PDB file of N, CA and C in Angstrom:
ATOM      1  N   MET A   1     -24.927 -31.206 -61.177  1.00  0.00           N
ATOM      2  CA  MET A   1     -23.592 -31.231 -60.612  1.00  0.00           C
ATOM      3  C   MET A   1     -22.589 -30.504 -61.571  1.00  0.00           C
ATOM      4  N   GLY A   2     -22.888 -30.363 -62.717  1.00  0.00           N
ATOM      5  CA  GLY A   2     -22.083 -29.522 -63.657  1.00  0.00           C
ATOM      6  C   GLY A   2     -20.814 -30.070 -63.918  1.00  0.00           C
ATOM      7  N   GLY A   3     -19.940 -29.071 -64.416  1.00  0.00           N
ATOM      8  CA  GLY A   3     -18.627 -29.457 -64.898  1.00  0.00           C
ATOM      9  C   GLY A   3     -17.517 -29.315 -63.717  1.00  0.00           C
ATOM     10  N   ASN A   4     -17.992 -28.970 -62.478  1.00  0.00           N
ATOM     11  CA  ASN A   4     -17.150 -28.646 -61.234  1.00  0.00           C
ATOM     12  C   ASN A   4     -16.503 -30.073 -60.774  1.00  0.00           C
ATOM     13  N   TRP A   5     -17.245 -31.163 -61.102  1.00  0.00           N
ATOM     14  CA  TRP A   5     -16.729 -32.313 -60.513  1.00  0.00           C
ATOM     15  C   TRP A   5     -15.330 -32.657 -60.963  1.00  0.00           C
ATOM     16  N   LYS A   6     -15.125 -32.205 -62.293  1.00  0.00           N
ATOM     17  CA  LYS A   6     -13.720 -32.546 -62.793  1.00  0.00           C
ATOM     18  C   LYS A   6     -12.599 -31.779 -61.954  1.00  0.00           C
ATOM     19  N   ALA A   7     -12.995 -30.499 -61.697  1.00  0.00           N
ATOM     20  CA  ALA A   7     -12.005 -29.722 -60.959  1.00  0.00           C
ATOM     21  C   ALA A   7     -11.986 -30.228 -59.474  1.00  0.00           C
ATOM     22  N   ALA A   8     -12.971 -30.687 -58.779  1.00  0.00           N
ATOM     23  CA  ALA A   8     -12.929 -31.342 -57.573  1.00  0.00           C
ATOM     24  C   ALA A   8     -12.137 -32.589 -57.585  1.00  0.00           C
ATOM     25  N   LEU A   9     -12.129 -33.476 -58.666  1.00  0.00           N
ATOM     26  CA  LEU A   9     -11.415 -34.713 -58.756  1.00  0.00           C
ATOM     27  C   LEU A   9      -9.783 -34.210 -58.968  1.00  0.00           C
ATOM     28  N   VAL A  10      -9.526 -33.259 -59.738  1.00  0.00           N
ATOM     29  CA  VAL A  10      -8.194 -32.864 -59.862  1.00  0.00           C
ATOM     30  C   VAL A  10      -7.651 -32.287 -58.665  1.00  0.00           C
ATOM     31  N   ALA A  11      -8.476 -31.597 -57.759  1.00  0.00           N
ATOM     32  CA  ALA A  11      -7.995 -31.125 -56.455  1.00  0.00           C
ATOM     33  C   ALA A  11      -7.723 -32.238 -55.506  1.00  0.00           C
ATOM     34  N   LEU A  12      -8.683 -33.210 -55.576  1.00  0.00           N
ATOM     35  CA  LEU A  12      -8.469 -34.445 -54.706  1.00  0.00           C
ATOM     36  C   LEU A  12      -7.043 -35.241 -55.140  1.00  0.00           C
ATOM     37  N   ASN A  13      -7.011 -35.319 -56.519  1.00  0.00           N
ATOM     38  CA  ASN A  13      -5.688 -35.865 -57.039  1.00  0.00           C
ATOM     39  C   ASN A  13      -4.566 -35.204 -56.538  1.00  0.00           C
ATOM     40  N   ALA A  14      -4.588 -33.833 -56.551  1.00  0.00           N
ATOM     41  CA  ALA A  14      -3.457 -32.973 -56.024  1.00  0.00           C
ATOM     42  C   ALA A  14      -3.146 -33.330 -54.579  1.00  0.00           C
ATOM     43  N   TYR A  15      -4.236 -33.508 -53.801  1.00  0.00           N
ATOM     44  CA  TYR A  15      -3.920 -33.805 -52.480  1.00  0.00           C
ATOM     45  C   TYR A  15      -3.404 -35.172 -52.276  1.00  0.00           C
ATOM     46  N   LEU A  16      -4.001 -36.204 -53.036  1.00  0.00           N
ATOM     47  CA  LEU A  16      -3.452 -37.461 -52.974  1.00  0.00           C
ATOM     48  C   LEU A  16      -1.928 -37.570 -53.393  1.00  0.00           C
ATOM     49  N   HIS A  17      -1.548 -36.763 -54.366  1.00  0.00           N
ATOM     50  CA  HIS A  17      -0.104 -36.771 -54.784  1.00  0.00           C
ATOM     51  C   HIS A  17       0.784 -36.263 -53.651  1.00  0.00           C
ATOM     52  N   ASP A  18       0.408 -35.215 -53.057  1.00  0.00           N
ATOM     53  CA  ASP A  18       1.108 -34.762 -51.870  1.00  0.00           C
ATOM     54  C   ASP A  18       1.206 -35.694 -50.711  1.00  0.00           C
ATOM     55  N   PHE A  19      -0.029 -36.140 -50.414  1.00  0.00           N
ATOM     56  CA  PHE A  19      -0.168 -37.233 -49.312  1.00  0.00           C
ATOM     57  C   PHE A  19       0.670 -38.436 -49.519  1.00  0.00           C
ATOM     58  N   SER A  20       0.790 -38.855 -50.752  1.00  0.00           N
ATOM     59  CA  SER A  20       1.620 -40.067 -51.161  1.00  0.00           C
ATOM     60  C   SER A  20       3.133 -39.751 -50.665  1.00  0.00           C
ATOM     61  N   VAL A  21       3.593 -38.493 -50.884  1.00  0.00           N
ATOM     62  CA  VAL A  21       4.892 -38.206 -50.568  1.00  0.00           C
ATOM     63  C   VAL A  21       5.186 -38.345 -48.965  1.00  0.00           C
ATOM     64  N   ALA A  22       4.092 -37.701 -48.377  1.00  0.00           N
ATOM     65  CA  ALA A  22       4.256 -37.611 -46.821  1.00  0.00           C
ATOM     66  C   ALA A  22       3.970 -39.184 -46.318  1.00  0.00           C
ATOM     67  N   LEU A  23       3.321 -39.996 -46.927  1.00  0.00           N
ATOM     68  CA  LEU A  23       3.236 -41.387 -46.566  1.00  0.00           C
ATOM     69  C   LEU A  23       4.439 -41.997 -46.750  1.00  0.00           C
ATOM     70  N   ALA A  24       5.110 -41.958 -47.918  1.00  0.00           N
ATOM     71  CA  ALA A  24       6.241 -42.665 -48.232  1.00  0.00           C
ATOM     72  C   ALA A  24       7.491 -42.317 -47.292  1.00  0.00           C
ATOM     73  N   PHE A  25       7.445 -40.887 -46.900  1.00  0.00           N
ATOM     74  CA  PHE A  25       8.492 -40.489 -45.937  1.00  0.00           C
ATOM     75  C   PHE A  25       8.304 -40.964 -44.460  1.00  0.00           C
ATOM     76  N   THR A  26       7.036 -40.880 -43.982  1.00  0.00           N
ATOM     77  CA  THR A  26       6.723 -41.319 -42.707  1.00  0.00           C
ATOM     78  C   THR A  26       6.875 -42.753 -42.450  1.00  0.00           C
ATOM     79  N   SER A  27       6.420 -43.567 -43.564  1.00  0.00           N
ATOM     80  CA  SER A  27       6.493 -45.049 -43.426  1.00  0.00           C
ATOM     81  C   SER A  27       8.011 -45.477 -43.393  1.00  0.00           C
ATOM     82  N   SER A  28       8.823 -44.769 -44.273  1.00  0.00           N
ATOM     83  CA  SER A  28      10.283 -45.105 -44.227  1.00  0.00           C
ATOM     84  C   SER A  28      10.928 -44.778 -42.930  1.00  0.00           C
ATOM     85  N   LEU A  29      10.582 -43.614 -42.343  1.00  0.00           N
ATOM     86  CA  LEU A  29      10.983 -43.307 -41.133  1.00  0.00           C
ATOM     87  C   LEU A  29      10.573 -44.238 -39.941  1.00  0.00           C
ATOM     88  N   VAL A  30       9.408 -44.870 -39.945  1.00  0.00           N
ATOM     89  CA  VAL A  30       8.832 -45.609 -38.970  1.00  0.00           C
ATOM     90  C   VAL A  30       9.641 -47.111 -39.213  1.00  0.00           C
ATOM     91  N   ALA A  31       9.833 -47.425 -40.409  1.00  0.00           N
ATOM     92  CA  ALA A  31      10.476 -48.727 -40.740  1.00  0.00           C
ATOM     93  C   ALA A  31      11.972 -48.669 -40.317  1.00  0.00           C
ATOM     94  N   TYR A  32      12.661 -47.495 -40.557  1.00  0.00           N
ATOM     95  CA  TYR A  32      13.993 -47.236 -40.046  1.00  0.00           C
ATOM     96  C   TYR A  32      14.152 -47.365 -38.615  1.00  0.00           C
ATOM     97  N   TRP A  33      13.232 -46.677 -37.960  1.00  0.00           N
ATOM     98  CA  TRP A  33      13.254 -46.698 -36.463  1.00  0.00           C
ATOM     99  C   TRP A  33      13.069 -48.019 -36.001  1.00  0.00           C
ATOM    100  N   LEU A  34      11.940 -48.849 -36.599  1.00  0.00           N
ATOM    101  CA  LEU A  34      11.720 -50.141 -36.142  1.00  0.00           C
ATOM    102  C   LEU A  34      12.831 -51.107 -36.203  1.00  0.00           C
ATOM    103  N   THR A  35      13.613 -50.913 -37.330  1.00  0.00           N
ATOM    104  CA  THR A  35      14.821 -51.793 -37.657  1.00  0.00           C
ATOM    105  C   THR A  35      15.854 -51.469 -36.635  1.00  0.00           C
ATOM    106  N   ARG A  36      15.933 -50.272 -36.435  1.00  0.00           N
ATOM    107  CA  ARG A  36      17.119 -49.687 -35.498  1.00  0.00           C
ATOM    108  C   ARG A  36      16.724 -50.095 -34.036  1.00  0.00           C
ATOM    109  N   GLU A  37      15.689 -49.793 -33.593  1.00  0.00           N
ATOM    110  CA  GLU A  37      15.374 -49.980 -32.224  1.00  0.00           C
ATOM    111  C   GLU A  37      14.668 -51.176 -31.642  1.00  0.00           C
ATOM    112  N   LEU A  38      13.909 -51.872 -32.577  1.00  0.00           N
ATOM    113  CA  LEU A  38      12.951 -52.905 -32.153  1.00  0.00           C
ATOM    114  C   LEU A  38      13.269 -54.252 -32.857  1.00  0.00           C
ATOM    115  N   HIS A  39      14.321 -54.362 -33.583  1.00  0.00           N
ATOM    116  CA  HIS A  39      14.718 -55.527 -34.267  1.00  0.00           C
ATOM    117  C   HIS A  39      14.756 -56.829 -33.562  1.00  0.00           C
ATOM    118  N   HIS A  40      14.873 -56.774 -32.177  1.00  0.00           N
ATOM    119  CA  HIS A  40      14.918 -57.861 -31.300  1.00  0.00           C
ATOM    120  C   HIS A  40      13.364 -58.378 -31.029  1.00  0.00           C
ATOM    121  N   LEU A  41      12.472 -57.746 -31.409  1.00  0.00           N
ATOM    122  CA  LEU A  41      11.163 -58.160 -30.952  1.00  0.00           C
ATOM    123  C   LEU A  41      10.679 -59.242 -31.957  1.00  0.00           C
ATOM    124  N   GLN A  42       9.856 -60.160 -31.438  1.00  0.00           N
ATOM    125  CA  GLN A  42       9.282 -61.150 -32.310  1.00  0.00           C
ATOM    126  C   GLN A  42       8.283 -60.508 -33.254  1.00  0.00           C
ATOM    127  N   GLY A  43       8.358 -60.903 -34.487  1.00  0.00           N
ATOM    128  CA  GLY A  43       7.245 -60.413 -35.434  1.00  0.00           C
ATOM    129  C   GLY A  43       7.542 -58.954 -36.111  1.00  0.00           C
ATOM    130  N   TYR A  44       8.772 -58.550 -35.795  1.00  0.00           N
ATOM    131  CA  TYR A  44       9.043 -57.127 -36.312  1.00  0.00           C
ATOM    132  C   TYR A  44       9.337 -57.222 -37.816  1.00  0.00           C
ATOM    133  N   TYR A  45       9.831 -58.339 -38.190  1.00  0.00           N
ATOM    134  CA  TYR A  45       9.980 -58.453 -39.683  1.00  0.00           C
ATOM    135  C   TYR A  45       8.883 -58.487 -40.611  1.00  0.00           C
ATOM    136  N   SER A  46       7.848 -59.066 -40.069  1.00  0.00           N
ATOM    137  CA  SER A  46       6.559 -59.159 -40.712  1.00  0.00           C
ATOM    138  C   SER A  46       5.934 -57.581 -40.868  1.00  0.00           C
ATOM    139  N   ILE A  47       6.087 -56.896 -39.760  1.00  0.00           N
ATOM    140  CA  ILE A  47       5.735 -55.524 -39.901  1.00  0.00           C
ATOM    141  C   ILE A  47       6.391 -54.666 -40.778  1.00  0.00           C
ATOM    142  N   LEU A  48       7.797 -54.967 -40.825  1.00  0.00           N
ATOM    143  CA  LEU A  48       8.749 -54.264 -41.769  1.00  0.00           C
ATOM    144  C   LEU A  48       8.234 -54.724 -43.197  1.00  0.00           C
ATOM    145  N   LEU A  49       7.849 -55.885 -43.546  1.00  0.00           N
ATOM    146  CA  LEU A  49       7.395 -56.114 -44.861  1.00  0.00           C
ATOM    147  C   LEU A  49       6.057 -55.445 -45.239  1.00  0.00           C
ATOM    148  N   LYS A  50       5.194 -55.291 -44.280  1.00  0.00           N
ATOM    149  CA  LYS A  50       4.040 -54.516 -44.461  1.00  0.00           C
ATOM    150  C   LYS A  50       4.300 -53.124 -44.834  1.00  0.00           C
ATOM    151  N   LEU A  51       5.313 -52.530 -44.056  1.00  0.00           N
ATOM    152  CA  LEU A  51       5.655 -51.206 -44.357  1.00  0.00           C
ATOM    153  C   LEU A  51       6.396 -50.947 -45.626  1.00  0.00           C
ATOM    154  N   ARG A  52       7.063 -51.991 -45.933  1.00  0.00           N
ATOM    155  CA  ARG A  52       7.578 -51.936 -47.375  1.00  0.00           C
ATOM    156  C   ARG A  52       6.660 -51.871 -48.390  1.00  0.00           C
ATOM    157  N   ARG A  53       5.604 -52.690 -48.224  1.00  0.00           N
ATOM    158  CA  ARG A  53       4.428 -52.610 -49.203  1.00  0.00           C
ATOM    159  C   ARG A  53       3.935 -51.329 -49.308  1.00  0.00           C
ATOM    160  N   LEU A  54       3.637 -50.716 -48.173  1.00  0.00           N
ATOM    161  CA  LEU A  54       3.067 -49.311 -48.045  1.00  0.00           C
ATOM    162  C   LEU A  54       3.924 -48.382 -48.773  1.00  0.00           C
ATOM    163  N   ILE A  55       5.274 -48.438 -48.489  1.00  0.00           N
ATOM    164  CA  ILE A  55       6.207 -47.479 -49.091  1.00  0.00           C
ATOM    165  C   ILE A  55       6.129 -47.702 -50.743  1.00  0.00           C
ATOM    166  N   ILE A  56       6.126 -48.909 -51.086  1.00  0.00           N
ATOM    167  CA  ILE A  56       6.050 -49.056 -52.560  1.00  0.00           C
ATOM    168  C   ILE A  56       4.818 -48.517 -53.124  1.00  0.00           C
ATOM    169  N   PHE A  57       3.714 -48.685 -52.490  1.00  0.00           N
ATOM    170  CA  PHE A  57       2.486 -48.281 -52.918  1.00  0.00           C
ATOM    171  C   PHE A  57       2.370 -46.699 -52.830  1.00  0.00           C
ATOM    172  N   SER A  58       3.020 -46.119 -51.905  1.00  0.00           N
ATOM    173  CA  SER A  58       3.153 -44.611 -51.889  1.00  0.00           C
ATOM    174  C   SER A  58       3.964 -44.054 -53.109  1.00  0.00           C
ATOM    175  N   PHE A  59       5.057 -44.616 -53.373  1.00  0.00           N
ATOM    176  CA  PHE A  59       5.878 -44.340 -54.581  1.00  0.00           C
ATOM    177  C   PHE A  59       5.112 -44.541 -55.822  1.00  0.00           C
ATOM    178  N   ALA A  60       4.200 -45.601 -55.941  1.00  0.00           N
ATOM    179  CA  ALA A  60       3.470 -45.596 -57.176  1.00  0.00           C
ATOM    180  C   ALA A  60       2.448 -44.531 -57.038  1.00  0.00           C
ATOM    181  N   GLY A  61       1.867 -44.126 -56.053  1.00  0.00           N
ATOM    182  CA  GLY A  61       0.804 -43.080 -55.969  1.00  0.00           C
ATOM    183  C   GLY A  61       1.522 -41.750 -56.307  1.00  0.00           C
ATOM    184  N   ILE A  62       2.696 -41.478 -55.843  1.00  0.00           N
ATOM    185  CA  ILE A  62       3.398 -40.295 -56.259  1.00  0.00           C
ATOM    186  C   ILE A  62       3.449 -40.096 -57.845  1.00  0.00           C
ATOM    187  N   PHE A  63       3.921 -41.159 -58.521  1.00  0.00           N
ATOM    188  CA  PHE A  63       3.983 -41.088 -60.006  1.00  0.00           C
ATOM    189  C   PHE A  63       2.669 -41.065 -60.661  1.00  0.00           C
ATOM    190  N   VAL A  64       1.591 -41.919 -60.220  1.00  0.00           N
ATOM    191  CA  VAL A  64       0.387 -41.901 -61.036  1.00  0.00           C
ATOM    192  C   VAL A  64      -0.277 -40.604 -60.803  1.00  0.00           C
ATOM    193  N   PHE A  65      -0.430 -40.180 -59.357  1.00  0.00           N
ATOM    194  CA  PHE A  65      -1.190 -38.938 -59.190  1.00  0.00           C
ATOM    195  C   PHE A  65      -0.456 -37.799 -59.796  1.00  0.00           C
ATOM    196  N   GLY A  66       0.970 -37.797 -59.781  1.00  0.00           N
ATOM    197  CA  GLY A  66       1.618 -36.741 -60.345  1.00  0.00           C
ATOM    198  C   GLY A  66       1.417 -36.702 -62.049  1.00  0.00           C
ATOM    199  N   ALA A  67       1.356 -37.754 -62.613  1.00  0.00           N
ATOM    200  CA  ALA A  67       1.096 -37.735 -63.949  1.00  0.00           C
ATOM    201  C   ALA A  67      -0.239 -37.232 -64.301  1.00  0.00           C
ATOM    202  N   VAL A  68      -1.335 -37.525 -63.532  1.00  0.00           N
ATOM    203  CA  VAL A  68      -2.673 -36.877 -63.824  1.00  0.00           C
ATOM    204  C   VAL A  68      -2.563 -35.472 -63.544  1.00  0.00           C
ATOM    205  N   ARG A  69      -1.863 -35.127 -62.532  1.00  0.00           N
ATOM    206  CA  ARG A  69      -1.744 -33.707 -62.175  1.00  0.00           C
ATOM    207  C   ARG A  69      -1.027 -32.823 -63.315  1.00  0.00           C
ATOM    208  N   VAL A  70       0.084 -33.382 -63.859  1.00  0.00           N
ATOM    209  CA  VAL A  70       0.632 -32.755 -65.000  1.00  0.00           C
ATOM    210  C   VAL A  70      -0.309 -32.500 -66.179  1.00  0.00           C
ATOM    211  N   TYR A  71      -0.961 -33.774 -66.438  1.00  0.00           N
ATOM    212  CA  TYR A  71      -1.947 -33.700 -67.594  1.00  0.00           C
ATOM    213  C   TYR A  71      -2.974 -32.598 -67.547  1.00  0.00           C
ATOM    214  N   PHE A  72      -3.440 -32.357 -66.307  1.00  0.00           N
ATOM    215  CA  PHE A  72      -4.629 -31.384 -66.195  1.00  0.00           C
ATOM    216  C   PHE A  72      -4.222 -30.078 -65.582  1.00  0.00           C
ATOM    217  N   TYR A  73      -2.910 -29.815 -65.620  1.00  0.00           N
ATOM    218  CA  TYR A  73      -2.277 -28.578 -64.903  1.00  0.00           C
ATOM    219  C   TYR A  73      -2.963 -27.325 -65.445  1.00  0.00           C
ATOM    220  N   ARG A  74      -2.835 -27.052 -66.797  1.00  0.00           N
ATOM    221  CA  ARG A  74      -3.404 -25.882 -67.250  1.00  0.00           C
ATOM    222  C   ARG A  74      -4.805 -25.700 -67.124  1.00  0.00           C
ATOM    223  N   THR A  75      -5.529 -26.714 -67.322  1.00  0.00           N
ATOM    224  CA  THR A  75      -6.952 -26.578 -67.305  1.00  0.00           C
ATOM    225  C   THR A  75      -7.623 -26.416 -65.995  1.00  0.00           C
ATOM    226  N   TYR A  76      -7.079 -26.984 -64.869  1.00  0.00           N
ATOM    227  CA  TYR A  76      -7.721 -26.907 -63.654  1.00  0.00           C
ATOM    228  C   TYR A  76      -6.859 -26.263 -62.500  1.00  0.00           C
ATOM    229  N   GLU A  77      -5.606 -26.180 -62.709  1.00  0.00           N
ATOM    230  CA  GLU A  77      -4.674 -25.747 -61.529  1.00  0.00           C
ATOM    231  C   GLU A  77      -4.324 -24.329 -61.688  1.00  0.00           C
ATOM    232  N   MET A  78      -4.703 -23.718 -62.657  1.00  0.00           N
ATOM    233  CA  MET A  78      -4.241 -22.242 -62.940  1.00  0.00           C
ATOM    234  C   MET A  78      -5.421 -21.297 -62.412  1.00  0.00           C
ATOM    235  N   PRO A  79      -5.261 -20.752 -61.269  1.00  0.00           N
ATOM    236  CA  PRO A  79      -6.281 -19.865 -60.796  1.00  0.00           C
ATOM    237  C   PRO A  79      -6.387 -18.644 -61.688  1.00  0.00           C
ATOM    238  N   ALA A  80      -7.510 -18.267 -61.906  1.00  0.00           N
ATOM    239  CA  ALA A  80      -7.768 -16.934 -62.644  1.00  0.00           C
ATOM    240  C   ALA A  80      -7.137 -15.804 -61.865  1.00  0.00           C
ATOM    241  N   GLY A  81      -6.374 -14.920 -62.647  1.00  0.00           N
ATOM    242  CA  GLY A  81      -5.866 -13.705 -62.093  1.00  0.00           C
ATOM    243  C   GLY A  81      -4.494 -13.969 -61.511  1.00  0.00           C
ATOM    244  N   VAL A  82      -3.877 -15.086 -61.347  1.00  0.00           N
ATOM    245  CA  VAL A  82      -2.625 -15.331 -60.865  1.00  0.00           C
ATOM    246  C   VAL A  82      -1.603 -15.454 -62.004  1.00  0.00           C
ATOM    247  N   ASP A  83      -0.513 -14.588 -61.904  1.00  0.00           N
ATOM    248  CA  ASP A  83       0.457 -14.668 -62.806  1.00  0.00           C
ATOM    249  C   ASP A  83       1.182 -15.976 -62.657  1.00  0.00           C
ATOM    250  N   GLU A  84       1.318 -16.583 -64.011  1.00  0.00           N
ATOM    251  CA  GLU A  84       1.801 -18.030 -64.237  1.00  0.00           C
ATOM    252  C   GLU A  84       3.182 -18.187 -63.661  1.00  0.00           C
ATOM    253  N   SER A  85       4.063 -17.123 -63.914  1.00  0.00           N
ATOM    254  CA  SER A  85       5.375 -17.229 -63.479  1.00  0.00           C
ATOM    255  C   SER A  85       5.530 -17.367 -61.713  1.00  0.00           C
ATOM    256  N   VAL A  86       4.649 -16.601 -61.123  1.00  0.00           N
ATOM    257  CA  VAL A  86       4.529 -16.708 -59.581  1.00  0.00           C
ATOM    258  C   VAL A  86       4.131 -18.187 -59.351  1.00  0.00           C
ATOM    259  N   LEU A  87       3.003 -18.608 -59.925  1.00  0.00           N
ATOM    260  CA  LEU A  87       2.537 -19.845 -59.548  1.00  0.00           C
ATOM    261  C   LEU A  87       3.705 -21.071 -59.863  1.00  0.00           C
ATOM    262  N   ILE A  88       4.329 -20.930 -60.874  1.00  0.00           N
ATOM    263  CA  ILE A  88       5.400 -21.829 -61.264  1.00  0.00           C
ATOM    264  C   ILE A  88       6.353 -21.804 -60.219  1.00  0.00           C
ATOM    265  N   SER A  89       6.772 -20.509 -59.707  1.00  0.00           N
ATOM    266  CA  SER A  89       7.841 -20.535 -58.657  1.00  0.00           C
ATOM    267  C   SER A  89       7.417 -21.145 -57.364  1.00  0.00           C
ATOM    268  N   VAL A  90       6.147 -20.884 -57.074  1.00  0.00           N
ATOM    269  CA  VAL A  90       5.585 -21.506 -55.760  1.00  0.00           C
ATOM    270  C   VAL A  90       5.618 -23.085 -55.978  1.00  0.00           C
ATOM    271  N   LEU A  91       5.209 -23.587 -57.087  1.00  0.00           N
ATOM    272  CA  LEU A  91       5.190 -25.060 -57.251  1.00  0.00           C
ATOM    273  C   LEU A  91       6.601 -25.586 -57.367  1.00  0.00           C
ATOM    274  N   VAL A  92       7.520 -24.825 -57.927  1.00  0.00           N
ATOM    275  CA  VAL A  92       8.967 -25.381 -57.836  1.00  0.00           C
ATOM    276  C   VAL A  92       9.424 -25.374 -56.395  1.00  0.00           C
ATOM    277  N   ALA A  93       9.065 -24.341 -55.703  1.00  0.00           N
ATOM    278  CA  ALA A  93       9.592 -24.401 -54.218  1.00  0.00           C
ATOM    279  C   ALA A  93       8.914 -25.615 -53.582  1.00  0.00           C
ATOM    280  N   LYS A  94       7.731 -25.817 -53.707  1.00  0.00           N
ATOM    281  CA  LYS A  94       6.906 -26.960 -53.034  1.00  0.00           C
ATOM    282  C   LYS A  94       7.502 -28.236 -53.598  1.00  0.00           C
ATOM    283  N   HIS A  95       7.910 -28.380 -54.813  1.00  0.00           N
ATOM    284  CA  HIS A  95       8.452 -29.662 -55.214  1.00  0.00           C
ATOM    285  C   HIS A  95       9.769 -29.979 -54.715  1.00  0.00           C
ATOM    286  N   ILE A  96      10.496 -28.927 -54.450  1.00  0.00           N
ATOM    287  CA  ILE A  96      11.876 -29.050 -53.925  1.00  0.00           C
ATOM    288  C   ILE A  96      11.814 -29.580 -52.425  1.00  0.00           C
ATOM    289  N   ILE A  97      10.889 -29.183 -51.811  1.00  0.00           N
ATOM    290  CA  ILE A  97      10.600 -29.678 -50.408  1.00  0.00           C
ATOM    291  C   ILE A  97      10.010 -31.023 -50.526  1.00  0.00           C
ATOM    292  N   LEU A  98       9.125 -31.307 -51.420  1.00  0.00           N
ATOM    293  CA  LEU A  98       8.580 -32.813 -51.473  1.00  0.00           C
ATOM    294  C   LEU A  98       9.832 -33.666 -52.061  1.00  0.00           C
ATOM    295  N   ALA A  99      10.490 -33.169 -53.046  1.00  0.00           N
ATOM    296  CA  ALA A  99      11.575 -34.090 -53.507  1.00  0.00           C
ATOM    297  C   ALA A  99      12.474 -34.312 -52.454  1.00  0.00           C
ATOM    298  N   SER A 100      12.812 -33.327 -51.492  1.00  0.00           N
ATOM    299  CA  SER A 100      13.821 -33.619 -50.357  1.00  0.00           C
ATOM    300  C   SER A 100      13.153 -34.677 -49.431  1.00  0.00           C
ATOM    301  N   LEU A 101      11.866 -34.687 -49.165  1.00  0.00           N
ATOM    302  CA  LEU A 101      11.261 -35.679 -48.536  1.00  0.00           C
ATOM    303  C   LEU A 101      11.318 -37.100 -49.183  1.00  0.00           C
ATOM    304  N   LEU A 102      11.083 -37.038 -50.494  1.00  0.00           N
ATOM    305  CA  LEU A 102      11.189 -38.332 -51.231  1.00  0.00           C
ATOM    306  C   LEU A 102      12.632 -38.956 -51.277  1.00  0.00           C
ATOM    307  N   ILE A 103      13.526 -38.179 -51.363  1.00  0.00           N
ATOM    308  CA  ILE A 103      14.988 -38.516 -51.313  1.00  0.00           C
ATOM    309  C   ILE A 103      15.289 -39.160 -49.935  1.00  0.00           C
ATOM    310  N   GLY A 104      14.737 -38.410 -48.960  1.00  0.00           N
ATOM    311  CA  GLY A 104      14.919 -38.892 -47.549  1.00  0.00           C
ATOM    312  C   GLY A 104      14.254 -40.243 -47.378  1.00  0.00           C
ATOM    313  N   ALA A 105      13.120 -40.443 -47.997  1.00  0.00           N
ATOM    314  CA  ALA A 105      12.337 -41.790 -47.936  1.00  0.00           C
ATOM    315  C   ALA A 105      13.307 -42.853 -48.543  1.00  0.00           C
ATOM    316  N   LEU A 106      13.762 -42.511 -49.661  1.00  0.00           N
ATOM    317  CA  LEU A 106      14.603 -43.476 -50.428  1.00  0.00           C
ATOM    318  C   LEU A 106      15.778 -43.894 -49.669  1.00  0.00           C
ATOM    319  N   TYR A 107      16.453 -42.879 -49.048  1.00  0.00           N
ATOM    320  CA  TYR A 107      17.656 -43.089 -48.194  1.00  0.00           C
ATOM    321  C   TYR A 107      17.264 -43.999 -47.040  1.00  0.00           C
ATOM    322  N   LEU A 108      16.279 -43.714 -46.379  1.00  0.00           N
ATOM    323  CA  LEU A 108      15.722 -44.449 -45.187  1.00  0.00           C
ATOM    324  C   LEU A 108      15.496 -45.933 -45.499  1.00  0.00           C
ATOM    325  N   SER A 109      14.873 -45.993 -46.655  1.00  0.00           N
ATOM    326  CA  SER A 109      14.556 -47.256 -47.181  1.00  0.00           C
ATOM    327  C   SER A 109      15.590 -48.134 -47.404  1.00  0.00           C
ATOM    328  N   VAL A 110      16.648 -47.576 -48.123  1.00  0.00           N
ATOM    329  CA  VAL A 110      17.771 -48.354 -48.324  1.00  0.00           C
ATOM    330  C   VAL A 110      18.600 -48.701 -46.920  1.00  0.00           C
ATOM    331  N   LYS A 111      18.563 -47.786 -46.109  1.00  0.00           N
ATOM    332  CA  LYS A 111      19.225 -48.102 -44.828  1.00  0.00           C
ATOM    333  C   LYS A 111      18.518 -48.940 -43.996  1.00  0.00           C
ATOM    334  N   PHE A 112      17.182 -48.981 -43.969  1.00  0.00           N
ATOM    335  CA  PHE A 112      16.628 -49.957 -43.084  1.00  0.00           C
ATOM    336  C   PHE A 112      16.633 -51.355 -43.542  1.00  0.00           C
ATOM    337  N   TRP A 113      16.721 -51.413 -44.929  1.00  0.00           N
ATOM    338  CA  TRP A 113      16.807 -52.871 -45.546  1.00  0.00           C
ATOM    339  C   TRP A 113      18.239 -53.377 -45.279  1.00  0.00           C
ATOM    340  N   LYS A 114      19.188 -52.500 -45.287  1.00  0.00           N
ATOM    341  CA  LYS A 114      20.661 -53.043 -45.048  1.00  0.00           C
ATOM    342  C   LYS A 114      20.692 -53.445 -43.511  1.00  0.00           C
ATOM    343  N   LEU A 115      20.037 -52.549 -42.749  1.00  0.00           N
ATOM    344  CA  LEU A 115      20.126 -52.876 -41.265  1.00  0.00           C
ATOM    345  C   LEU A 115      19.286 -54.267 -40.994  1.00  0.00           C
ATOM    346  N   ALA A 116      18.253 -54.507 -41.696  1.00  0.00           N
ATOM    347  CA  ALA A 116      17.406 -55.527 -41.538  1.00  0.00           C
ATOM    348  C   ALA A 116      18.069 -56.887 -42.013  1.00  0.00           C
ATOM    349  N   GLY A 117      18.891 -56.655 -42.929  1.00  0.00           N
ATOM    350  CA  GLY A 117      19.679 -57.885 -43.442  1.00  0.00           C
ATOM    351  C   GLY A 117      20.869 -58.223 -42.448  1.00  0.00           C
ATOM    352  N   ARG A 118      21.197 -57.355 -41.554  1.00  0.00           N
ATOM    353  CA  ARG A 118      22.258 -57.727 -40.439  1.00  0.00           C
ATOM    354  C   ARG A 118      21.691 -58.215 -39.130  1.00  0.00           C
ATOM    355  N   SER A 119      20.392 -58.074 -38.979  1.00  0.00           N
ATOM    356  CA  SER A 119      19.740 -58.473 -37.760  1.00  0.00           C
ATOM    357  C   SER A 119      19.153 -59.916 -37.730  1.00  0.00           C
TER     358      SER A 119
END
């Protein structure tokens, strides 16, 4: 198996980090939509609580997987032959997009809990 299993785990970790952001955003979007459009249905609040747990789990995943990613960055995420400044520029651009999604998820989460409190 060799030493490539560490690189594979770091690659999987990078995927899980990005996936956690997408999951937090989409879960918040669904929860907001559910609160706005289907609040009159019986059982919607229990679904909302489950989505809230998923959102919290996603935020935890973002930070845990992100910390692992930062720790192993130089060792496993620097492809040979790529200028470090170019790679950092690409990573900054990607994180601006992901941070925008994360801010959107936080905004929607606050908004759907305010709406849920009124219904």
